């Protein structure tokens, strides 16, 4: 059986905010779980305005609370 994972960098889209990026990360995680993905990885970034993921340990807890069976 093929096991799929996602690596999410929580990008901030043009015209969007860091808050939008976090909400989009959560929505993507929920969709990935519905599609049967096994794992959801969150990247850590510092000193950039392009990504919202500077504290993955906080985001991990939020994504885990919003999903049921994926490994985060």
Protein backbone atom coordinates (compact mmCIF):
# COMPACT_ATOMS: atom_id res chain seq x y z
CA UNK A 1 0.00 0.00 0.00
CA UNK A 2 1.28 3.44 -0.94
CA UNK A 3 1.70 5.80 2.02
CA UNK A 4 1.51 9.49 1.18
CA UNK A 5 2.74 12.46 3.20
CA UNK A 6 2.64 16.23 2.83
CA UNK A 7 5.30 18.77 3.75
CA UNK A 8 3.59 22.11 4.39
CA UNK A 9 5.68 25.26 4.62
CA UNK A 10 2.65 27.43 5.48
CA UNK A 11 3.31 29.91 2.66
CA UNK A 12 1.80 33.37 2.86
CA UNK A 13 0.09 33.96 -0.48
CA UNK A 14 0.32 37.31 -2.24
CA UNK A 15 -2.14 39.66 -0.57
CA UNK A 16 -2.59 37.25 2.35
CA UNK A 17 -1.54 37.35 5.97
CA UNK A 18 0.22 34.93 8.31
CA UNK A 19 -3.17 34.25 9.90
CA UNK A 20 -4.57 33.32 6.47
CA UNK A 21 -1.62 30.96 5.96
CA UNK A 22 -2.31 29.19 9.26
CA UNK A 23 -6.00 28.78 8.39
CA UNK A 24 -5.01 27.45 4.95
CA UNK A 25 -2.57 24.99 6.57
CA UNK A 26 -5.36 23.65 8.77
CA UNK A 27 -7.72 23.37 5.79
CA UNK A 28 -5.04 21.53 3.79
CA UNK A 29 -4.38 19.12 6.67
CA UNK A 30 -8.09 18.31 6.93
CA UNK A 31 -8.29 17.73 3.17
CA UNK A 32 -5.20 15.51 3.22
CA UNK A 33 -6.72 13.42 5.98
CA UNK A 34 -9.93 13.00 3.96
CA UNK A 35 -7.86 11.88 0.97
CA UNK A 36 -6.10 9.23 3.08
CA UNK A 37 -2.68 10.77 3.59
CA UNK A 38 -0.60 9.08 6.30
CA UNK A 39 1.50 11.98 7.63
CA UNK A 40 1.53 15.76 7.64
CA UNK A 41 4.86 17.47 8.12
CA UNK A 42 5.25 21.14 9.10
CA UNK A 43 8.38 23.10 8.20
CA UNK A 44 10.10 25.70 10.37
CA UNK A 45 11.20 29.01 8.86
CA UNK A 46 12.80 32.13 10.32
CA UNK A 47 13.59 35.60 9.00
CA UNK A 48 11.27 35.46 6.00
CA UNK A 49 8.04 37.19 5.12
CA UNK A 50 7.03 34.36 2.77
CA UNK A 51 6.22 31.64 5.32
CA UNK A 52 4.15 31.63 8.53
CA UNK A 53 5.79 28.55 10.07
CA UNK A 54 8.31 29.92 12.58
CA UNK A 55 6.99 27.78 15.47
CA UNK A 56 5.98 24.35 14.18
CA UNK A 57 5.58 22.97 17.69
CA UNK A 58 2.61 25.33 18.20
CA UNK A 59 1.17 24.63 14.76
CA UNK A 60 1.60 20.87 15.25
CA UNK A 61 -0.69 21.01 18.29
CA UNK A 62 -3.32 22.97 16.37
CA UNK A 63 -3.25 20.70 13.32
CA UNK A 64 -3.35 17.59 15.52
CA UNK A 65 -6.42 18.99 17.30
CA UNK A 66 -8.15 19.51 13.95
CA UNK A 67 -7.41 16.03 12.55
CA UNK A 68 -8.11 12.54 13.85
CA UNK A 69 -5.84 9.86 12.44
CA UNK A 70 -2.89 11.39 10.55
CA UNK A 71 0.52 11.50 12.17
CA UNK A 72 1.55 15.13 12.51
